[in-house]
């Protein structure tokens, strides 16, 4: 029971910390989860984190909350998921409550506006780091198809101006087709 309590307290603390100090949405949380869950504590592997990030993105709700719940579940089952989810929800709720109370003061303050602009640069850097890591995982699998899908998706969106939802849908269908073909070839 003592081990469970320590694990639950750690989950609460790390998720409060991650949620309180990451700005910019769900993808910014992934490098932080990697740092604490994969690199420092080695509670699961990088591939498992990428799988959880994909599930967190595809399920309804905020990616950050979904990912924290999945990581908590992976570490401590249902209690870990509940603790992680609640811990990840608390900081944004407090911040939003404070911002709504003092909205008029925040809107007219140039220092806060400059601070938020600076945070945007940090968020962009974290997202670039995540994209590089995800691409490295794909390239390391040595799948020509998956490696070719990266520039194809980029060209489809930025050159041909195709909607991201259509690109994601087509990519999913192509991956399902690839898995279907591979399973039919397997003995």
C-alpha atoms as a PDB file:
ATOM      1  CA  UNK A   1       0.000   0.000   0.000  1.00  0.00           C
ATOM      2  CA  UNK A   2       2.900   2.348   0.822  1.00  0.00           C
ATOM      3  CA  UNK A   3       4.387   1.803  -2.644  1.00  0.00           C
ATOM      4  CA  UNK A   4       1.014   2.613  -4.243  1.00  0.00           C
ATOM      5  CA  UNK A   5       0.713   5.791  -2.181  1.00  0.00           C
ATOM      6  CA  UNK A   6       4.193   6.940  -3.228  1.00  0.00           C
ATOM      7  CA  UNK A   7       3.416   6.187  -6.877  1.00  0.00           C
ATOM      8  CA  UNK A   8       0.102   8.058  -6.664  1.00  0.00           C
ATOM      9  CA  UNK A   9       1.749  11.065  -4.998  1.00  0.00           C
ATOM     10  CA  UNK A  10       4.474  11.066  -7.639  1.00  0.00           C
ATOM     11  CA  UNK A  11       1.861  10.900 -10.425  1.00  0.00           C
ATOM     12  CA  UNK A  12      -0.077  13.768  -8.863  1.00  0.00           C
ATOM     13  CA  UNK A  13       3.039  15.889  -8.464  1.00  0.00           C
ATOM     14  CA  UNK A  14       4.517  15.265 -11.898  1.00  0.00           C
ATOM     15  CA  UNK A  15       1.195  15.825 -13.665  1.00  0.00           C
ATOM     16  CA  UNK A  16       0.549  19.019 -11.698  1.00  0.00           C
ATOM     17  CA  UNK A  17       4.042  20.202 -12.645  1.00  0.00           C
ATOM     18  CA  UNK A  18       3.720  19.281 -16.332  1.00  0.00           C
ATOM     19  CA  UNK A  19       0.282  20.834 -16.604  1.00  0.00           C
ATOM     20  CA  UNK A  20       1.267  24.006 -14.757  1.00  0.00           C
ATOM     21  CA  UNK A  21       4.437  24.676 -16.750  1.00  0.00           C
ATOM     22  CA  UNK A  22       3.573  23.660 -20.302  1.00  0.00           C
ATOM     23  CA  UNK A  23       1.818  26.201 -22.467  1.00  0.00           C
ATOM     24  CA  UNK A  24       0.539  25.703 -25.971  1.00  0.00           C
ATOM     25  CA  UNK A  25      -1.518  22.576 -26.133  1.00  0.00           C
ATOM     26  CA  UNK A  26      -1.189  18.835 -26.080  1.00  0.00           C
ATOM     27  CA  UNK A  27       1.871  18.301 -28.230  1.00  0.00           C
ATOM     28  CA  UNK A  28       3.966  20.347 -25.835  1.00  0.00           C
ATOM     29  CA  UNK A  29       3.185  17.834 -23.085  1.00  0.00           C
ATOM     30  CA  UNK A  30       4.743  14.906 -24.981  1.00  0.00           C
ATOM     31  CA  UNK A  31       8.401  15.981 -24.461  1.00  0.00           C
ATOM     32  CA  UNK A  32       7.698  16.562 -20.776  1.00  0.00           C
ATOM     33  CA  UNK A  33       6.079  13.141 -20.376  1.00  0.00           C
ATOM     34  CA  UNK A  34       9.084  11.676 -22.197  1.00  0.00           C
ATOM     35  CA  UNK A  35      11.481  13.378 -19.799  1.00  0.00           C
ATOM     36  CA  UNK A  36       9.775  12.255 -16.592  1.00  0.00           C
ATOM     37  CA  UNK A  37       8.173   8.921 -17.488  1.00  0.00           C
ATOM     38  CA  UNK A  38      10.567   7.530 -20.113  1.00  0.00           C
ATOM     39  CA  UNK A  39      13.998   9.040 -19.463  1.00  0.00           C
ATOM     40  CA  UNK A  40      14.079   9.634 -15.689  1.00  0.00           C
ATOM     41  CA  UNK A  41      11.811   6.908 -14.296  1.00  0.00           C
ATOM     42  CA  UNK A  42      11.909   4.476 -17.258  1.00  0.00           C
ATOM     43  CA  UNK A  43       8.304   3.506 -16.624  1.00  0.00           C
ATOM     44  CA  UNK A  44       7.709   2.768 -20.305  1.00  0.00           C
ATOM     45  CA  UNK A  45       9.576   2.972 -23.606  1.00  0.00           C
ATOM     46  CA  UNK A  46       9.671   5.704 -26.247  1.00  0.00           C
ATOM     47  CA  UNK A  47       7.601   3.589 -28.662  1.00  0.00           C
ATOM     48  CA  UNK A  48       4.902   3.146 -26.033  1.00  0.00           C
ATOM     49  CA  UNK A  49       4.839   6.910 -25.479  1.00  0.00           C
ATOM     50  CA  UNK A  50       4.381   7.537 -29.209  1.00  0.00           C
ATOM     51  CA  UNK A  51       1.554   4.998 -29.258  1.00  0.00           C
ATOM     52  CA  UNK A  52      -0.089   6.694 -26.277  1.00  0.00           C
ATOM     53  CA  UNK A  53       0.341  10.099 -27.963  1.00  0.00           C
ATOM     54  CA  UNK A  54      -1.404   8.748 -31.071  1.00  0.00           C
ATOM     55  CA  UNK A  55      -4.280   7.377 -28.988  1.00  0.00           C
ATOM     56  CA  UNK A  56      -4.488  10.629 -26.988  1.00  0.00           C
ATOM     57  CA  UNK A  57      -4.734  12.582 -30.230  1.00  0.00           C
ATOM     58  CA  UNK A  58      -7.392  10.372 -31.751  1.00  0.00           C
ATOM     59  CA  UNK A  59      -9.697  10.224 -28.730  1.00  0.00           C
ATOM     60  CA  UNK A  60     -12.111  13.042 -27.867  1.00  0.00           C
ATOM     61  CA  UNK A  61     -10.849  15.671 -25.470  1.00  0.00           C
ATOM     62  CA  UNK A  62      -7.649  17.566 -24.852  1.00  0.00           C
ATOM     63  CA  UNK A  63      -4.512  15.705 -25.901  1.00  0.00           C
ATOM     64  CA  UNK A  64      -2.671  16.744 -22.728  1.00  0.00           C
ATOM     65  CA  UNK A  65      -5.385  15.352 -20.459  1.00  0.00           C
ATOM     66  CA  UNK A  66      -5.770  12.174 -22.512  1.00  0.00           C
ATOM     67  CA  UNK A  67      -2.006  11.557 -22.527  1.00  0.00           C
ATOM     68  CA  UNK A  68      -1.664  12.142 -18.795  1.00  0.00           C
ATOM     69  CA  UNK A  69      -4.538   9.719 -18.138  1.00  0.00           C
ATOM     70  CA  UNK A  70      -2.979   7.081 -20.415  1.00  0.00           C
ATOM     71  CA  UNK A  71       0.443   7.476 -18.800  1.00  0.00           C
ATOM     72  CA  UNK A  72      -1.114   7.292 -15.344  1.00  0.00           C
ATOM     73  CA  UNK A  73      -3.037   4.179 -16.317  1.00  0.00           C
ATOM     74  CA  UNK A  74       0.122   2.576 -17.692  1.00  0.00           C
ATOM     75  CA  UNK A  75       1.953   3.277 -14.416  1.00  0.00           C
ATOM     76  CA  UNK A  76      -0.727   2.628 -11.781  1.00  0.00           C
ATOM     77  CA  UNK A  77      -3.900   1.322 -13.413  1.00  0.00           C
ATOM     78  CA  UNK A  78      -7.270   3.006 -12.980  1.00  0.00           C
ATOM     79  CA  UNK A  79      -6.329   4.950  -9.821  1.00  0.00           C
ATOM     80  CA  UNK A  80      -3.258   6.275 -11.664  1.00  0.00           C
ATOM     81  CA  UNK A  81      -5.404   7.394 -14.589  1.00  0.00           C
ATOM     82  CA  UNK A  82      -7.855   9.209 -12.310  1.00  0.00           C
ATOM     83  CA  UNK A  83      -5.087  10.883 -10.277  1.00  0.00           C
ATOM     84  CA  UNK A  84      -3.174  11.902 -13.407  1.00  0.00           C
ATOM     85  CA  UNK A  85      -6.265  13.241 -15.131  1.00  0.00           C
ATOM     86  CA  UNK A  86      -7.366  15.307 -12.138  1.00  0.00           C
ATOM     87  CA  UNK A  87      -3.824  16.585 -11.569  1.00  0.00           C
ATOM     88  CA  UNK A  88      -3.527  17.630 -15.209  1.00  0.00           C
ATOM     89  CA  UNK A  89      -6.918  19.399 -15.084  1.00  0.00           C
ATOM     90  CA  UNK A  90      -6.320  21.429 -11.942  1.00  0.00           C
ATOM     91  CA  UNK A  91      -3.705  24.001 -13.136  1.00  0.00           C
ATOM     92  CA  UNK A  92      -5.594  25.055 -16.300  1.00  0.00           C
ATOM     93  CA  UNK A  93      -8.820  25.415 -14.326  1.00  0.00           C
ATOM     94  CA  UNK A  94      -7.104  27.620 -11.733  1.00  0.00           C
ATOM     95  CA  UNK A  95      -5.382  29.730 -14.409  1.00  0.00           C
ATOM     96  CA  UNK A  96      -8.579  30.147 -16.423  1.00  0.00           C
ATOM     97  CA  UNK A  97     -10.475  31.090 -13.280  1.00  0.00           C
ATOM     98  CA  UNK A  98      -7.892  33.759 -12.416  1.00  0.00           C
ATOM     99  CA  UNK A  99      -7.716  35.079 -15.974  1.00  0.00           C
ATOM    100  CA  UNK A 100     -11.487  35.371 -16.168  1.00  0.00           C
ATOM    101  CA  UNK A 101     -11.575  37.219 -12.847  1.00  0.00           C
ATOM    102  CA  UNK A 102      -8.954  39.746 -13.964  1.00  0.00           C
ATOM    103  CA  UNK A 103      -9.605  39.746 -17.730  1.00  0.00           C
ATOM    104  CA  UNK A 104      -9.813  43.513 -18.106  1.00  0.00           C
ATOM    105  CA  UNK A 105      -6.424  44.004 -16.430  1.00  0.00           C
ATOM    106  CA  UNK A 106      -4.763  41.294 -18.547  1.00  0.00           C
ATOM    107  CA  UNK A 107      -6.089  42.615 -21.855  1.00  0.00           C
ATOM    108  CA  UNK A 108      -4.582  46.059 -21.385  1.00  0.00           C
ATOM    109  CA  UNK A 109      -1.235  44.954 -19.888  1.00  0.00           C
ATOM    110  CA  UNK A 110       1.604  45.111 -22.450  1.00  0.00           C
ATOM    111  CA  UNK A 111       3.982  43.086 -20.270  1.00  0.00           C
ATOM    112  CA  UNK A 112       1.617  40.118 -20.170  1.00  0.00           C
ATOM    113  CA  UNK A 113       1.060  40.382 -23.932  1.00  0.00           C
ATOM    114  CA  UNK A 114       4.864  40.286 -24.480  1.00  0.00           C
ATOM    115  CA  UNK A 115       5.184  37.342 -22.095  1.00  0.00           C
ATOM    116  CA  UNK A 116       2.569  35.394 -24.047  1.00  0.00           C
ATOM    117  CA  UNK A 117       4.387  36.143 -27.327  1.00  0.00           C
ATOM    118  CA  UNK A 118       7.579  34.753 -25.796  1.00  0.00           C
ATOM    119  CA  UNK A 119       5.760  31.602 -24.743  1.00  0.00           C
ATOM    120  CA  UNK A 120       4.667  31.071 -28.350  1.00  0.00           C
ATOM    121  CA  UNK A 121       8.333  30.783 -29.385  1.00  0.00           C
ATOM    122  CA  UNK A 122       8.992  28.185 -26.681  1.00  0.00           C
ATOM    123  CA  UNK A 123       5.940  26.193 -27.724  1.00  0.00           C
ATOM    124  CA  UNK A 124       7.082  26.217 -31.348  1.00  0.00           C
ATOM    125  CA  UNK A 125      10.499  24.869 -30.318  1.00  0.00           C
ATOM    126  CA  UNK A 126       8.928  22.025 -28.318  1.00  0.00           C
ATOM    127  CA  UNK A 127       6.659  21.081 -31.223  1.00  0.00           C
ATOM    128  CA  UNK A 128       9.634  21.034 -33.622  1.00  0.00           C
ATOM    129  CA  UNK A 129      11.477  18.766 -31.150  1.00  0.00           C
ATOM    130  CA  UNK A 130       8.508  16.395 -31.055  1.00  0.00           C
ATOM    131  CA  UNK A 131       8.238  16.287 -34.855  1.00  0.00           C
ATOM    132  CA  UNK A 132      11.947  15.497 -35.159  1.00  0.00           C
ATOM    133  CA  UNK A 133      11.652  12.675 -32.618  1.00  0.00           C
ATOM    134  CA  UNK A 134       8.575  11.214 -34.319  1.00  0.00           C
ATOM    135  CA  UNK A 135      10.258  11.350 -37.728  1.00  0.00           C
ATOM    136  CA  UNK A 136      13.385   9.699 -36.307  1.00  0.00           C
ATOM    137  CA  UNK A 137      11.259   6.838 -34.951  1.00  0.00           C
ATOM    138  CA  UNK A 138       9.641   6.367 -38.356  1.00  0.00           C
ATOM    139  CA  UNK A 139      12.959   6.458 -40.232  1.00  0.00           C
ATOM    140  CA  UNK A 140      14.539   4.022 -37.730  1.00  0.00           C
ATOM    141  CA  UNK A 141      11.871   1.445 -38.551  1.00  0.00           C
ATOM    142  CA  UNK A 142      13.344   1.355 -42.066  1.00  0.00           C
ATOM    143  CA  UNK A 143       9.963   1.248 -43.756  1.00  0.00           C
ATOM    144  CA  UNK A 144      10.194   2.929 -47.144  1.00  0.00           C
ATOM    145  CA  UNK A 145       6.443   3.423 -47.195  1.00  0.00           C
ATOM    146  CA  UNK A 146       6.288   5.153 -43.800  1.00  0.00           C
ATOM    147  CA  UNK A 147       9.398   7.218 -44.562  1.00  0.00           C
ATOM    148  CA  UNK A 148       7.906   8.335 -47.901  1.00  0.00           C
ATOM    149  CA  UNK A 149       4.649   9.249 -46.173  1.00  0.00           C
ATOM    150  CA  UNK A 150       6.343  12.081 -44.236  1.00  0.00           C
ATOM    151  CA  UNK A 151       7.345  14.249 -47.230  1.00  0.00           C
ATOM    152  CA  UNK A 152       4.200  13.233 -49.113  1.00  0.00           C
ATOM    153  CA  UNK A 153       2.008  14.583 -46.309  1.00  0.00           C
ATOM    154  CA  UNK A 154       4.100  17.753 -46.124  1.00  0.00           C
ATOM    155  CA  UNK A 155       3.834  18.361 -49.879  1.00  0.00           C
ATOM    156  CA  UNK A 156       0.106  17.585 -49.860  1.00  0.00           C
ATOM    157  CA  UNK A 157      -0.523  20.223 -47.195  1.00  0.00           C
ATOM    158  CA  UNK A 158       1.956  23.000 -47.879  1.00  0.00           C
ATOM    159  CA  UNK A 159       2.341  22.772 -51.664  1.00  0.00           C
ATOM    160  CA  UNK A 160      -1.003  21.376 -52.809  1.00  0.00           C
ATOM    161  CA  UNK A 161      -2.948  23.022 -49.948  1.00  0.00           C
ATOM    162  CA  UNK A 162      -4.950  19.868 -49.158  1.00  0.00           C
ATOM    163  CA  UNK A 163      -6.894  19.891 -45.878  1.00  0.00           C
ATOM    164  CA  UNK A 164      -5.051  18.229 -42.983  1.00  0.00           C
ATOM    165  CA  UNK A 165      -8.083  16.090 -42.101  1.00  0.00           C
ATOM    166  CA  UNK A 166      -8.074  14.604 -45.603  1.00  0.00           C
ATOM    167  CA  UNK A 167      -4.340  13.927 -45.392  1.00  0.00           C
ATOM    168  CA  UNK A 168      -4.752  12.208 -42.016  1.00  0.00           C
ATOM    169  CA  UNK A 169      -7.656  10.135 -43.301  1.00  0.00           C
ATOM    170  CA  UNK A 170      -5.764   9.083 -46.425  1.00  0.00           C
ATOM    171  CA  UNK A 171      -2.662   8.284 -44.345  1.00  0.00           C
ATOM    172  CA  UNK A 172      -4.709   6.128 -41.987  1.00  0.00           C
ATOM    173  CA  UNK A 173      -6.308   4.267 -44.873  1.00  0.00           C
ATOM    174  CA  UNK A 174      -2.923   3.697 -46.529  1.00  0.00           C
ATOM    175  CA  UNK A 175      -1.446   2.409 -43.255  1.00  0.00           C
ATOM    176  CA  UNK A 176      -4.415   0.079 -42.738  1.00  0.00           C
ATOM    177  CA  UNK A 177      -3.959  -1.198 -46.271  1.00  0.00           C
ATOM    178  CA  UNK A 178      -0.256  -1.772 -45.626  1.00  0.00           C
ATOM    179  CA  UNK A 179      -1.010  -3.725 -42.425  1.00  0.00           C
ATOM    180  CA  UNK A 180      -3.654  -5.770 -44.248  1.00  0.00           C
ATOM    181  CA  UNK A 181      -1.191  -6.660 -47.013  1.00  0.00           C
ATOM    182  CA  UNK A 182       1.526  -7.558 -44.518  1.00  0.00           C
ATOM    183  CA  UNK A 183      -0.777  -9.808 -42.488  1.00  0.00           C
ATOM    184  CA  UNK A 184      -1.901 -11.632 -45.645  1.00  0.00           C
ATOM    185  CA  UNK A 185       1.752 -12.273 -46.575  1.00  0.00           C
ATOM    186  CA  UNK A 186       2.646 -13.570 -43.103  1.00  0.00           C
ATOM    187  CA  UNK A 187       2.458 -17.381 -42.740  1.00  0.00           C
END
